[in-house]
Amino acid sequence: MELQNISFLSEEVGELETAANQSFSEAWAKKYLRKLAEQDDRVEVIKRSGIATEIARTLMQTLRTTSIQAWTKTEALLSQEVIRHQIDPQLIDPWAVTKDAHQIYQTALSAYAEQIPPPKFSTWIAKDLGNIRQKYMADDSRAIGFISMQFHYSGQMLLNLTPPAQQSSLSAYFKVIDDHLYMPLQRAYQAAAQYAYDAPPLQAVQQLLPLCSEIAIKIVEQAMQLYPNYHCYTGRLDDTNIQISSLRDIEMFQVYLWVCVLENNISAVQQELFPLCIMLYPRLKVRWELVRHLIHSLGTEIRSRLEPQQAAYFLPYYKSLWAMFSPQVLPDSKL
């Protein structure tokens, strides 16, 4: 992982902070490369054939409709949560949300049409998505639940309109969007920027960052074996779309733990992750038993992949995370 710029941030916060954040975001984006390396020849075929351009042009014509439909679906799923959680409805403007979703997916489709690699698209779009996330979380962090679901549903609807043979390549661009909206990546970049390059907490996070997807895949595979008949709101645990969402969520939990280590406090989990899960998981029929299994597996993976002194930086935050989702707090009978 290349984070050389970070050590200079204590000297020059302004310009160099931007450089360090870019370096950290590039490191995050690199994880997309592993799955795409073997697809280079196929990408060249797509470029020459013009398939991506034609698909992007067709999907752009549906963006207005899909954005509106996605909001309708999001509101149907979460409208009762506004009342239940006493969220000010004025903080969630459906027209502003659909406009933001329209613009971001327009950019994604343009990148897909030009076959810009998803890692490069990730670095390009990171700031815009970070600003959207920050804007909607400024007054109430729980609002991100609505925003992320709106974007997620928009992407799913667009994929459903895409020829099956092209869905995999296009979904890589949409995953970038999901990642940046669900995960506090900008917050992680900013926290990392406060450390010298060789700071032990930062090195512990550096050790885990390139393993993020590998850890998520292993945990999801274990969950599918343990819960072969599990169903949530949108399907079985082994359904492709459910697997994608599960992988994203486990990566999200990892990033929140990174933020806790880098900020040296649990506030990111308390103020953002826990309320988001409380809002979304019951509506999506995700059982707390499954969530606890995923958290337990994550703790096992962290301990197995770090030296004991490195794992020690994560331990207090992991214990707090486990306690917040414990059966004493969230029994399945109340889901």
C-alpha atoms as a PDB file:
ATOM      1  CA  MET A   1       0.000   0.000   0.000  1.00  0.00           C
ATOM      2  CA  GLU A   2       1.358   3.456  -0.898  1.00  0.00           C
ATOM      3  CA  LEU A   3       0.778   6.011   1.832  1.00  0.00           C
ATOM      4  CA  GLN A   4       4.089   7.872   1.717  1.00  0.00           C
ATOM      5  CA  ASN A   5       2.428  11.295   1.615  1.00  0.00           C
ATOM      6  CA  ILE A   6       0.783  10.820   4.999  1.00  0.00           C
ATOM      7  CA  SER A   7       3.930  11.483   7.053  1.00  0.00           C
ATOM      8  CA  PHE A   8       4.104  15.055   5.809  1.00  0.00           C
ATOM      9  CA  LEU A   9       0.563  16.070   6.712  1.00  0.00           C
ATOM     10  CA  SER A  10       1.369  17.345  10.172  1.00  0.00           C
ATOM     11  CA  GLU A  11       3.598  19.946   8.506  1.00  0.00           C
ATOM     12  CA  GLU A  12       1.316  21.185   5.754  1.00  0.00           C
ATOM     13  CA  VAL A  13      -2.347  20.398   6.348  1.00  0.00           C
ATOM     14  CA  GLY A  14      -3.808  22.083   3.280  1.00  0.00           C
ATOM     15  CA  GLU A  15      -2.257  20.936   0.028  1.00  0.00           C
ATOM     16  CA  LEU A  16      -0.538  17.865   1.437  1.00  0.00           C
ATOM     17  CA  GLU A  17      -3.684  16.636   3.161  1.00  0.00           C
ATOM     18  CA  THR A  18      -5.277  16.451  -0.263  1.00  0.00           C
ATOM     19  CA  ALA A  19      -2.282  14.468  -1.534  1.00  0.00           C
ATOM     20  CA  ALA A  20      -2.417  12.043   1.357  1.00  0.00           C
ATOM     21  CA  ASN A  21      -6.127  11.523   1.013  1.00  0.00           C
ATOM     22  CA  GLN A  22      -5.631  10.794  -2.665  1.00  0.00           C
ATOM     23  CA  SER A  23      -2.925   8.270  -1.788  1.00  0.00           C
ATOM     24  CA  PHE A  24      -5.179   6.505   0.711  1.00  0.00           C
ATOM     25  CA  SER A  25      -8.079   6.466  -1.732  1.00  0.00           C
ATOM     26  CA  GLU A  26      -5.805   5.037  -4.424  1.00  0.00           C
ATOM     27  CA  ALA A  27      -4.832   2.272  -2.008  1.00  0.00           C
ATOM     28  CA  TRP A  28      -8.511   1.499  -1.448  1.00  0.00           C
ATOM     29  CA  ALA A  29      -9.146   1.512  -5.189  1.00  0.00           C
ATOM     30  CA  LYS A  30      -6.352  -0.988  -5.834  1.00  0.00           C
ATOM     31  CA  LYS A  31      -8.470  -3.777  -4.425  1.00  0.00           C
ATOM     32  CA  TYR A  32     -10.609  -3.547  -7.552  1.00  0.00           C
ATOM     33  CA  LEU A  33      -7.622  -4.363  -9.731  1.00  0.00           C
ATOM     34  CA  ARG A  34      -7.245  -7.974  -8.639  1.00  0.00           C
ATOM     35  CA  LYS A  35     -10.564  -9.026 -10.120  1.00  0.00           C
ATOM     36  CA  LEU A  36     -10.116  -6.940 -13.243  1.00  0.00           C
ATOM     37  CA  ALA A  37      -6.560  -7.821 -14.241  1.00  0.00           C
ATOM     38  CA  GLU A  38      -7.600 -10.880 -16.220  1.00  0.00           C
ATOM     39  CA  GLN A  39     -10.339  -8.933 -17.999  1.00  0.00           C
ATOM     40  CA  ASP A  40      -8.061  -6.589 -19.960  1.00  0.00           C
ATOM     41  CA  ASP A  41      -8.496  -8.469 -23.238  1.00  0.00           C
ATOM     42  CA  ARG A  42     -12.266  -8.535 -22.803  1.00  0.00           C
ATOM     43  CA  VAL A  43     -12.268  -4.784 -22.147  1.00  0.00           C
ATOM     44  CA  GLU A  44     -10.460  -4.193 -25.436  1.00  0.00           C
ATOM     45  CA  VAL A  45     -13.098  -6.273 -27.227  1.00  0.00           C
ATOM     46  CA  ILE A  46     -15.847  -4.223 -25.589  1.00  0.00           C
ATOM     47  CA  LYS A  47     -14.143  -0.989 -26.630  1.00  0.00           C
ATOM     48  CA  ARG A  48     -13.822  -2.054 -30.241  1.00  0.00           C
ATOM     49  CA  SER A  49     -17.351  -3.384 -30.436  1.00  0.00           C
ATOM     50  CA  GLY A  50     -18.956  -0.284 -28.993  1.00  0.00           C
ATOM     51  CA  ILE A  51     -21.144  -2.421 -26.711  1.00  0.00           C
ATOM     52  CA  ALA A  52     -20.397  -0.350 -23.621  1.00  0.00           C
ATOM     53  CA  THR A  53     -21.181   2.908 -25.410  1.00  0.00           C
ATOM     54  CA  GLU A  54     -24.512   1.596 -26.653  1.00  0.00           C
ATOM     55  CA  ILE A  55     -25.491   0.195 -23.250  1.00  0.00           C
ATOM     56  CA  ALA A  56     -24.535   3.428 -21.508  1.00  0.00           C
ATOM     57  CA  ARG A  57     -26.526   5.492 -24.013  1.00  0.00           C
ATOM     58  CA  THR A  58     -29.601   3.321 -23.500  1.00  0.00           C
ATOM     59  CA  LEU A  59     -29.358   3.375 -19.692  1.00  0.00           C
ATOM     60  CA  MET A  60     -28.857   7.149 -19.604  1.00  0.00           C
ATOM     61  CA  GLN A  61     -32.213   7.504 -21.307  1.00  0.00           C
ATOM     62  CA  THR A  62     -33.802   5.642 -18.385  1.00  0.00           C
ATOM     63  CA  LEU A  63     -31.973   7.501 -15.600  1.00  0.00           C
ATOM     64  CA  ARG A  64     -34.765   9.928 -14.818  1.00  0.00           C
ATOM     65  CA  THR A  65     -37.315   7.141 -14.533  1.00  0.00           C
ATOM     66  CA  THR A  66     -35.095   4.785 -12.538  1.00  0.00           C
ATOM     67  CA  SER A  67     -34.128   7.550 -10.088  1.00  0.00           C
ATOM     68  CA  ILE A  68     -37.794   8.279  -9.386  1.00  0.00           C
ATOM     69  CA  GLN A  69     -38.678   4.592  -9.119  1.00  0.00           C
ATOM     70  CA  ALA A  70     -35.743   4.006  -6.778  1.00  0.00           C
ATOM     71  CA  TRP A  71     -36.950   6.756  -4.468  1.00  0.00           C
ATOM     72  CA  THR A  72     -40.458   5.297  -4.445  1.00  0.00           C
ATOM     73  CA  LYS A  73     -38.999   1.927  -3.463  1.00  0.00           C
ATOM     74  CA  THR A  74     -36.763   3.505  -0.805  1.00  0.00           C
ATOM     75  CA  GLU A  75     -39.638   5.453   0.700  1.00  0.00           C
ATOM     76  CA  ALA A  76     -41.836   2.360   0.801  1.00  0.00           C
ATOM     77  CA  LEU A  77     -39.087   0.513   2.657  1.00  0.00           C
ATOM     78  CA  LEU A  78     -38.090   3.218   5.119  1.00  0.00           C
ATOM     79  CA  SER A  79     -40.949   5.710   5.529  1.00  0.00           C
ATOM     80  CA  GLN A  80     -41.983   4.162   8.839  1.00  0.00           C
ATOM     81  CA  GLU A  81     -38.432   4.493  10.091  1.00  0.00           C
ATOM     82  CA  VAL A  82     -38.698   8.276   9.867  1.00  0.00           C
ATOM     83  CA  ILE A  83     -41.473   8.151  12.440  1.00  0.00           C
ATOM     84  CA  ARG A  84     -39.911   5.398  14.512  1.00  0.00           C
ATOM     85  CA  HIS A  85     -36.518   7.111  14.760  1.00  0.00           C
ATOM     86  CA  GLN A  86     -38.019  10.615  14.917  1.00  0.00           C
ATOM     87  CA  ILE A  87     -35.979  11.835  11.973  1.00  0.00           C
ATOM     88  CA  ASP A  88     -36.859  15.291  10.694  1.00  0.00           C
ATOM     89  CA  PRO A  89     -38.374  14.610   7.232  1.00  0.00           C
ATOM     90  CA  GLN A  90     -37.156  18.019   6.079  1.00  0.00           C
ATOM     91  CA  LEU A  91     -33.609  16.635   6.141  1.00  0.00           C
ATOM     92  CA  ILE A  92     -34.430  14.206   3.326  1.00  0.00           C
ATOM     93  CA  ASP A  93     -35.469  16.062   0.177  1.00  0.00           C
ATOM     94  CA  PRO A  94     -36.533  13.462  -2.414  1.00  0.00           C
ATOM     95  CA  TRP A  95     -35.915  15.816  -5.332  1.00  0.00           C
ATOM     96  CA  ALA A  96     -32.392  16.635  -4.167  1.00  0.00           C
ATOM     97  CA  VAL A  97     -31.635  12.965  -3.533  1.00  0.00           C
ATOM     98  CA  THR A  98     -32.885  11.808  -6.945  1.00  0.00           C
ATOM     99  CA  LYS A  99     -30.973  14.647  -8.623  1.00  0.00           C
ATOM    100  CA  ASP A 100     -27.749  13.602  -6.892  1.00  0.00           C
ATOM    101  CA  ALA A 101     -28.324   9.963  -7.825  1.00  0.00           C
ATOM    102  CA  HIS A 102     -29.027  10.942 -11.438  1.00  0.00           C
ATOM    103  CA  GLN A 103     -25.778  12.926 -11.699  1.00  0.00           C
ATOM    104  CA  ILE A 104     -23.594  10.269 -10.085  1.00  0.00           C
ATOM    105  CA  TYR A 105     -24.951   7.438 -12.221  1.00  0.00           C
ATOM    106  CA  GLN A 106     -24.626   9.598 -15.309  1.00  0.00           C
ATOM    107  CA  THR A 107     -20.934   9.973 -14.477  1.00  0.00           C
ATOM    108  CA  ALA A 108     -20.617   6.231 -13.832  1.00  0.00           C
ATOM    109  CA  LEU A 109     -22.240   5.344 -17.142  1.00  0.00           C
ATOM    110  CA  SER A 110     -19.940   7.758 -18.961  1.00  0.00           C
ATOM    111  CA  ALA A 111     -16.923   6.114 -17.322  1.00  0.00           C
ATOM    112  CA  TYR A 112     -18.276   2.704 -18.305  1.00  0.00           C
ATOM    113  CA  ALA A 113     -18.859   3.819 -21.892  1.00  0.00           C
ATOM    114  CA  GLU A 114     -15.245   4.992 -22.115  1.00  0.00           C
ATOM    115  CA  GLN A 115     -14.082   1.828 -20.279  1.00  0.00           C
ATOM    116  CA  ILE A 116     -12.227   3.874 -17.690  1.00  0.00           C
ATOM    117  CA  PRO A 117     -10.966   1.292 -15.167  1.00  0.00           C
ATOM    118  CA  PRO A 118     -13.116   1.159 -12.014  1.00  0.00           C
ATOM    119  CA  PRO A 119     -10.073   1.915  -9.777  1.00  0.00           C
ATOM    120  CA  LYS A 120      -9.491   5.169 -11.655  1.00  0.00           C
ATOM    121  CA  PHE A 121     -13.220   5.921 -11.581  1.00  0.00           C
ATOM    122  CA  SER A 122     -13.102   5.354  -7.816  1.00  0.00           C
ATOM    123  CA  THR A 123     -10.433   8.015  -7.324  1.00  0.00           C
ATOM    124  CA  TRP A 124     -12.264  10.433  -9.621  1.00  0.00           C
ATOM    125  CA  ILE A 125     -15.665  10.082  -7.982  1.00  0.00           C
ATOM    126  CA  ALA A 126     -14.512   9.729  -4.364  1.00  0.00           C
ATOM    127  CA  LYS A 127     -14.674  13.434  -3.566  1.00  0.00           C
ATOM    128  CA  ASP A 128     -18.143  13.915  -5.069  1.00  0.00           C
ATOM    129  CA  LEU A 129     -19.555  10.915  -3.213  1.00  0.00           C
ATOM    130  CA  GLY A 130     -17.813  12.002  -0.029  1.00  0.00           C
ATOM    131  CA  ASN A 131     -19.428  15.425  -0.336  1.00  0.00           C
ATOM    132  CA  ILE A 132     -22.854  13.847  -0.871  1.00  0.00           C
ATOM    133  CA  ARG A 133     -22.383  11.638   2.161  1.00  0.00           C
ATOM    134  CA  GLN A 134     -21.234  14.555   4.288  1.00  0.00           C
ATOM    135  CA  LYS A 135     -24.079  16.774   3.094  1.00  0.00           C
ATOM    136  CA  TYR A 136     -26.823  14.380   4.096  1.00  0.00           C
ATOM    137  CA  MET A 137     -25.178  13.366   7.369  1.00  0.00           C
ATOM    138  CA  ALA A 138     -24.428  16.897   8.539  1.00  0.00           C
ATOM    139  CA  ASP A 139     -27.574  17.310  10.657  1.00  0.00           C
ATOM    140  CA  ASP A 140     -28.514  13.676  11.282  1.00  0.00           C
ATOM    141  CA  SER A 141     -26.210  10.777  10.385  1.00  0.00           C
ATOM    142  CA  ARG A 142     -29.198   8.434  10.051  1.00  0.00           C
ATOM    143  CA  ALA A 143     -30.223  10.179   6.836  1.00  0.00           C
ATOM    144  CA  ILE A 144     -27.484   8.257   5.028  1.00  0.00           C
ATOM    145  CA  GLY A 145     -29.714   5.178   5.262  1.00  0.00           C
ATOM    146  CA  PHE A 146     -32.178   6.760   2.852  1.00  0.00           C
ATOM    147  CA  ILE A 147     -29.495   8.103   0.550  1.00  0.00           C
ATOM    148  CA  SER A 148     -27.547   4.853   0.302  1.00  0.00           C
ATOM    149  CA  MET A 149     -30.684   2.818  -0.386  1.00  0.00           C
ATOM    150  CA  GLN A 150     -31.781   5.291  -3.072  1.00  0.00           C
ATOM    151  CA  PHE A 151     -28.444   4.912  -4.847  1.00  0.00           C
ATOM    152  CA  HIS A 152     -28.388   1.152  -4.312  1.00  0.00           C
ATOM    153  CA  TYR A 153     -31.853   0.671  -5.795  1.00  0.00           C
ATOM    154  CA  SER A 154     -30.962   2.949  -8.717  1.00  0.00           C
ATOM    155  CA  GLY A 155     -27.969   0.769  -9.509  1.00  0.00           C
ATOM    156  CA  GLN A 156     -29.966  -2.450  -9.207  1.00  0.00           C
ATOM    157  CA  MET A 157     -32.648  -1.160 -11.563  1.00  0.00           C
ATOM    158  CA  LEU A 158     -30.054  -0.120 -14.128  1.00  0.00           C
ATOM    159  CA  LEU A 159     -28.359  -3.513 -13.923  1.00  0.00           C
ATOM    160  CA  ASN A 160     -31.693  -5.239 -14.461  1.00  0.00           C
ATOM    161  CA  LEU A 161     -31.981  -3.317 -17.739  1.00  0.00           C
ATOM    162  CA  THR A 162     -28.486  -4.403 -18.809  1.00  0.00           C
ATOM    163  CA  PRO A 163     -27.814  -7.516 -20.932  1.00  0.00           C
ATOM    164  CA  PRO A 164     -26.689 -10.341 -18.600  1.00  0.00           C
ATOM    165  CA  ALA A 165     -23.311 -10.679 -20.333  1.00  0.00           C
ATOM    166  CA  GLN A 166     -22.454  -7.070 -19.452  1.00  0.00           C
ATOM    167  CA  GLN A 167     -23.863  -6.893 -15.930  1.00  0.00           C
ATOM    168  CA  SER A 168     -20.660  -8.024 -14.234  1.00  0.00           C
ATOM    169  CA  SER A 169     -18.457  -5.348 -15.802  1.00  0.00           C
ATOM    170  CA  LEU A 170     -20.996  -2.562 -15.214  1.00  0.00           C
ATOM    171  CA  SER A 171     -21.610  -3.640 -11.612  1.00  0.00           C
ATOM    172  CA  ALA A 172     -17.949  -2.900 -10.805  1.00  0.00           C
ATOM    173  CA  TYR A 173     -18.669   0.808 -11.397  1.00  0.00           C
ATOM    174  CA  PHE A 174     -21.836   0.700  -9.326  1.00  0.00           C
ATOM    175  CA  LYS A 175     -19.979  -1.037  -6.489  1.00  0.00           C
ATOM    176  CA  VAL A 176     -17.662   1.975  -6.310  1.00  0.00           C
ATOM    177  CA  ILE A 177     -20.729   4.145  -5.675  1.00  0.00           C
ATOM    178  CA  ASP A 178     -22.123   1.794  -3.029  1.00  0.00           C
ATOM    179  CA  ASP A 179     -18.776   1.602  -1.255  1.00  0.00           C
ATOM    180  CA  HIS A 180     -18.296   5.336  -0.985  1.00  0.00           C
ATOM    181  CA  LEU A 181     -21.840   5.954   0.229  1.00  0.00           C
ATOM    182  CA  TYR A 182     -22.077   3.153   2.781  1.00  0.00           C
ATOM    183  CA  MET A 183     -18.507   3.379   4.047  1.00  0.00           C
ATOM    184  CA  PRO A 184     -16.825   6.305   5.850  1.00  0.00           C
ATOM    185  CA  LEU A 185     -13.895   6.307   3.438  1.00  0.00           C
ATOM    186  CA  GLN A 186     -13.369  10.080   3.458  1.00  0.00           C
ATOM    187  CA  ARG A 187     -13.396  10.008   7.251  1.00  0.00           C
ATOM    188  CA  ALA A 188     -10.773   7.251   7.158  1.00  0.00           C
ATOM    189  CA  TYR A 189      -8.623   9.263   4.730  1.00  0.00           C
ATOM    190  CA  GLN A 190      -8.789  12.332   6.971  1.00  0.00           C
ATOM    191  CA  ALA A 191      -7.977  10.358  10.108  1.00  0.00           C
ATOM    192  CA  ALA A 192      -5.044   8.632   8.387  1.00  0.00           C
ATOM    193  CA  ALA A 193      -3.723  12.024   7.325  1.00  0.00           C
ATOM    194  CA  GLN A 194      -3.000  12.909  10.952  1.00  0.00           C
ATOM    195  CA  TYR A 195      -0.412  10.134  11.354  1.00  0.00           C
ATOM    196  CA  ALA A 196       3.222   9.766  10.470  1.00  0.00           C
ATOM    197  CA  TYR A 197       3.774   7.043   7.891  1.00  0.00           C
ATOM    198  CA  ASP A 198       5.342   4.665  10.408  1.00  0.00           C
ATOM    199  CA  ALA A 199       2.782   5.208  13.191  1.00  0.00           C
ATOM    200  CA  PRO A 200       1.796   1.777  14.598  1.00  0.00           C
ATOM    201  CA  PRO A 201      -2.011   2.337  14.452  1.00  0.00           C
ATOM    202  CA  LEU A 202      -1.760   3.397  10.819  1.00  0.00           C
ATOM    203  CA  GLN A 203       0.455   0.426   9.996  1.00  0.00           C
ATOM    204  CA  ALA A 204      -2.105  -1.909  11.571  1.00  0.00           C
ATOM    205  CA  VAL A 205      -4.796  -0.463   9.301  1.00  0.00           C
ATOM    206  CA  GLN A 206      -2.421  -0.615   6.320  1.00  0.00           C
ATOM    207  CA  GLN A 207      -1.933  -4.310   6.995  1.00  0.00           C
ATOM    208  CA  LEU A 208      -5.671  -5.001   6.726  1.00  0.00           C
ATOM    209  CA  LEU A 209      -6.661  -2.637   3.918  1.00  0.00           C
ATOM    210  CA  PRO A 210      -5.583  -4.819   0.955  1.00  0.00           C
ATOM    211  CA  LEU A 211      -7.182  -7.838   2.658  1.00  0.00           C
ATOM    212  CA  CYS A 212     -10.583  -6.194   3.059  1.00  0.00           C
ATOM    213  CA  SER A 213     -12.334  -7.952   0.173  1.00  0.00           C
ATOM    214  CA  GLU A 214     -10.594 -11.265   0.815  1.00  0.00           C
ATOM    215  CA  ILE A 215     -11.814 -11.222   4.429  1.00  0.00           C
ATOM    216  CA  ALA A 216     -15.353 -10.318   3.358  1.00  0.00           C
ATOM    217  CA  ILE A 217     -15.480 -13.133   0.788  1.00  0.00           C
ATOM    218  CA  LYS A 218     -14.330 -15.710   3.330  1.00  0.00           C
ATOM    219  CA  ILE A 219     -16.895 -14.599   5.908  1.00  0.00           C
ATOM    220  CA  VAL A 220     -19.768 -14.638   3.393  1.00  0.00           C
ATOM    221  CA  GLU A 221     -18.801 -18.116   2.201  1.00  0.00           C
ATOM    222  CA  GLN A 222     -18.801 -19.355   5.801  1.00  0.00           C
ATOM    223  CA  ALA A 223     -22.211 -17.754   6.422  1.00  0.00           C
ATOM    224  CA  MET A 224     -23.709 -19.429   3.349  1.00  0.00           C
ATOM    225  CA  GLN A 225     -22.514 -22.810   4.614  1.00  0.00           C
ATOM    226  CA  LEU A 226     -23.892 -22.231   8.114  1.00  0.00           C
ATOM    227  CA  TYR A 227     -27.209 -20.741   6.951  1.00  0.00           C
ATOM    228  CA  PRO A 228     -28.041 -22.605   3.702  1.00  0.00           C
ATOM    229  CA  ASN A 229     -31.780 -21.831   3.918  1.00  0.00           C
ATOM    230  CA  TYR A 230     -31.497 -18.231   5.101  1.00  0.00           C
ATOM    231  CA  HIS A 231     -33.876 -15.710   3.524  1.00  0.00           C
ATOM    232  CA  CYS A 232     -33.928 -11.945   3.919  1.00  0.00           C
ATOM    233  CA  TYR A 233     -36.182  -9.293   2.379  1.00  0.00           C
ATOM    234  CA  THR A 234     -34.929  -9.651  -1.188  1.00  0.00           C
ATOM    235  CA  GLY A 235     -33.939 -13.310  -1.400  1.00  0.00           C
ATOM    236  CA  ARG A 236     -31.691 -16.130  -0.267  1.00  0.00           C
ATOM    237  CA  LEU A 237     -28.267 -15.536   1.229  1.00  0.00           C
ATOM    238  CA  ASP A 238     -26.654 -17.317  -1.719  1.00  0.00           C
ATOM    239  CA  ASP A 239     -28.421 -15.142  -4.328  1.00  0.00           C
ATOM    240  CA  THR A 240     -25.926 -13.069  -6.295  1.00  0.00           C
ATOM    241  CA  ASN A 241     -27.341  -9.672  -5.291  1.00  0.00           C
ATOM    242  CA  ILE A 242     -27.549 -10.698  -1.629  1.00  0.00           C
ATOM    243  CA  GLN A 243     -23.952 -11.882  -1.726  1.00  0.00           C
ATOM    244  CA  ILE A 244     -22.876  -8.534  -3.174  1.00  0.00           C
ATOM    245  CA  SER A 245     -24.729  -6.647  -0.435  1.00  0.00           C
ATOM    246  CA  SER A 246     -23.313  -8.956   2.238  1.00  0.00           C
ATOM    247  CA  LEU A 247     -19.771  -8.433   0.993  1.00  0.00           C
ATOM    248  CA  ARG A 248     -20.293  -4.669   1.015  1.00  0.00           C
ATOM    249  CA  ASP A 249     -21.638  -4.738   4.565  1.00  0.00           C
ATOM    250  CA  ILE A 250     -18.701  -6.751   5.895  1.00  0.00           C
ATOM    251  CA  GLU A 251     -16.303  -4.375   4.177  1.00  0.00           C
ATOM    252  CA  MET A 252     -18.289  -1.500   5.721  1.00  0.00           C
ATOM    253  CA  PHE A 253     -17.860  -2.940   9.218  1.00  0.00           C
ATOM    254  CA  GLN A 254     -14.123  -3.230   8.582  1.00  0.00           C
ATOM    255  CA  VAL A 255     -13.807   0.384   7.456  1.00  0.00           C
ATOM    256  CA  TYR A 256     -15.694   1.593  10.521  1.00  0.00           C
ATOM    257  CA  LEU A 257     -13.248  -0.316  12.718  1.00  0.00           C
ATOM    258  CA  TRP A 258     -10.363   1.296  10.832  1.00  0.00           C
ATOM    259  CA  VAL A 259     -11.855   4.707  11.556  1.00  0.00           C
ATOM    260  CA  CYS A 260     -12.185   3.850  15.256  1.00  0.00           C
ATOM    261  CA  VAL A 261      -8.515   2.861  15.417  1.00  0.00           C
ATOM    262  CA  LEU A 262      -7.344   5.934  13.498  1.00  0.00           C
ATOM    263  CA  GLU A 263      -9.542   8.338  15.474  1.00  0.00           C
ATOM    264  CA  ASN A 264      -8.869   6.525  18.748  1.00  0.00           C
ATOM    265  CA  ASN A 265     -12.542   6.478  19.752  1.00  0.00           C
ATOM    266  CA  ILE A 266     -15.759   4.555  19.114  1.00  0.00           C
ATOM    267  CA  SER A 267     -17.888   7.493  17.943  1.00  0.00           C
ATOM    268  CA  ALA A 268     -18.024   6.409  14.282  1.00  0.00           C
ATOM    269  CA  VAL A 269     -19.696   3.143  15.269  1.00  0.00           C
ATOM    270  CA  GLN A 270     -21.959   4.743  17.864  1.00  0.00           C
ATOM    271  CA  GLN A 271     -23.087   7.698  15.760  1.00  0.00           C
ATOM    272  CA  GLU A 272     -23.162   6.198  12.271  1.00  0.00           C
ATOM    273  CA  LEU A 273     -22.847   2.421  11.922  1.00  0.00           C
ATOM    274  CA  PHE A 274     -25.126   1.285  14.746  1.00  0.00           C
ATOM    275  CA  PRO A 275     -28.039   3.650  13.895  1.00  0.00           C
ATOM    276  CA  LEU A 276     -27.717   2.704  10.212  1.00  0.00           C
ATOM    277  CA  CYS A 277     -27.965  -1.002  11.032  1.00  0.00           C
ATOM    278  CA  ILE A 278     -30.875  -0.464  13.419  1.00  0.00           C
ATOM    279  CA  MET A 279     -32.730   1.366  10.668  1.00  0.00           C
ATOM    280  CA  LEU A 280     -32.006  -0.926   7.720  1.00  0.00           C
ATOM    281  CA  TYR A 281     -31.556  -4.476   8.951  1.00  0.00           C
ATOM    282  CA  PRO A 282     -35.013  -5.008  10.480  1.00  0.00           C
ATOM    283  CA  ARG A 283     -36.657  -3.607   7.353  1.00  0.00           C
ATOM    284  CA  LEU A 284     -34.507  -5.891   5.187  1.00  0.00           C
ATOM    285  CA  LYS A 285     -35.352  -8.902   7.398  1.00  0.00           C
ATOM    286  CA  VAL A 286     -31.728  -9.439   8.372  1.00  0.00           C
ATOM    287  CA  ARG A 287     -31.599 -11.351  11.647  1.00  0.00           C
ATOM    288  CA  TRP A 288     -29.326 -10.135  14.419  1.00  0.00           C
ATOM    289  CA  GLU A 289     -28.098 -13.702  14.825  1.00  0.00           C
ATOM    290  CA  LEU A 290     -26.568 -13.488  11.355  1.00  0.00           C
ATOM    291  CA  VAL A 291     -25.085 -10.049  12.072  1.00  0.00           C
ATOM    292  CA  ARG A 292     -23.476 -11.395  15.249  1.00  0.00           C
ATOM    293  CA  HIS A 293     -22.020 -14.319  13.315  1.00  0.00           C
ATOM    294  CA  LEU A 294     -20.497 -11.913  10.801  1.00  0.00           C
ATOM    295  CA  ILE A 295     -19.040  -9.747  13.582  1.00  0.00           C
ATOM    296  CA  HIS A 296     -17.625 -12.800  15.371  1.00  0.00           C
ATOM    297  CA  SER A 297     -16.018 -14.029  12.130  1.00  0.00           C
ATOM    298  CA  LEU A 298     -14.585 -10.574  11.506  1.00  0.00           C
ATOM    299  CA  GLY A 299     -12.927 -10.592  14.922  1.00  0.00           C
ATOM    300  CA  THR A 300     -11.411 -13.999  14.165  1.00  0.00           C
ATOM    301  CA  GLU A 301     -10.059 -12.771  10.833  1.00  0.00           C
ATOM    302  CA  ILE A 302      -8.529  -9.629  12.341  1.00  0.00           C
ATOM    303  CA  ARG A 303      -6.740 -11.599  15.040  1.00  0.00           C
ATOM    304  CA  SER A 304      -5.459 -14.170  12.552  1.00  0.00           C
ATOM    305  CA  ARG A 305      -4.069 -11.617  10.097  1.00  0.00           C
ATOM    306  CA  LEU A 306      -2.346  -9.208  12.481  1.00  0.00           C
ATOM    307  CA  GLU A 307       0.461  -9.506  14.968  1.00  0.00           C
ATOM    308  CA  PRO A 308      -0.858  -9.454  18.566  1.00  0.00           C
ATOM    309  CA  GLN A 309       0.434  -5.924  19.165  1.00  0.00           C
ATOM    310  CA  GLN A 310      -1.329  -4.746  15.999  1.00  0.00           C
ATOM    311  CA  ALA A 311      -4.569  -6.554  16.817  1.00  0.00           C
ATOM    312  CA  ALA A 312      -4.507  -4.847  20.211  1.00  0.00           C
ATOM    313  CA  TYR A 313      -5.353  -1.522  18.539  1.00  0.00           C
ATOM    314  CA  PHE A 314      -8.617  -3.044  17.275  1.00  0.00           C
ATOM    315  CA  LEU A 315      -9.584  -5.014  20.366  1.00  0.00           C
ATOM    316  CA  PRO A 316     -11.349  -2.315  22.458  1.00  0.00           C
ATOM    317  CA  TYR A 317     -13.422  -1.156  19.490  1.00  0.00           C
ATOM    318  CA  TYR A 318     -14.238  -4.689  18.429  1.00  0.00           C
ATOM    319  CA  LYS A 319     -15.412  -5.472  21.971  1.00  0.00           C
ATOM    320  CA  SER A 320     -17.619  -2.379  21.943  1.00  0.00           C
ATOM    321  CA  LEU A 321     -19.014  -3.345  18.538  1.00  0.00           C
ATOM    322  CA  TRP A 322     -19.811  -6.849  19.766  1.00  0.00           C
ATOM    323  CA  ALA A 323     -21.481  -5.512  22.919  1.00  0.00           C
ATOM    324  CA  MET A 324     -23.713  -3.163  20.921  1.00  0.00           C
ATOM    325  CA  PHE A 325     -25.013  -6.050  18.781  1.00  0.00           C
ATOM    326  CA  SER A 326     -25.160  -8.598  21.605  1.00  0.00           C
ATOM    327  CA  PRO A 327     -28.308 -10.695  22.291  1.00  0.00           C
ATOM    328  CA  GLN A 328     -28.871  -8.653  25.450  1.00  0.00           C
ATOM    329  CA  VAL A 329     -29.223  -5.527  23.340  1.00  0.00           C
ATOM    330  CA  LEU A 330     -30.715  -6.954  20.124  1.00  0.00           C
ATOM    331  CA  PRO A 331     -32.507 -10.264  20.672  1.00  0.00           C
ATOM    332  CA  ASP A 332     -33.844 -11.788  17.479  1.00  0.00           C
ATOM    333  CA  SER A 333     -37.339 -11.968  18.921  1.00  0.00           C
ATOM    334  CA  LYS A 334     -37.560  -8.181  18.597  1.00  0.00           C
ATOM    335  CA  LEU A 335     -36.483  -8.017  14.950  1.00  0.00           C
END
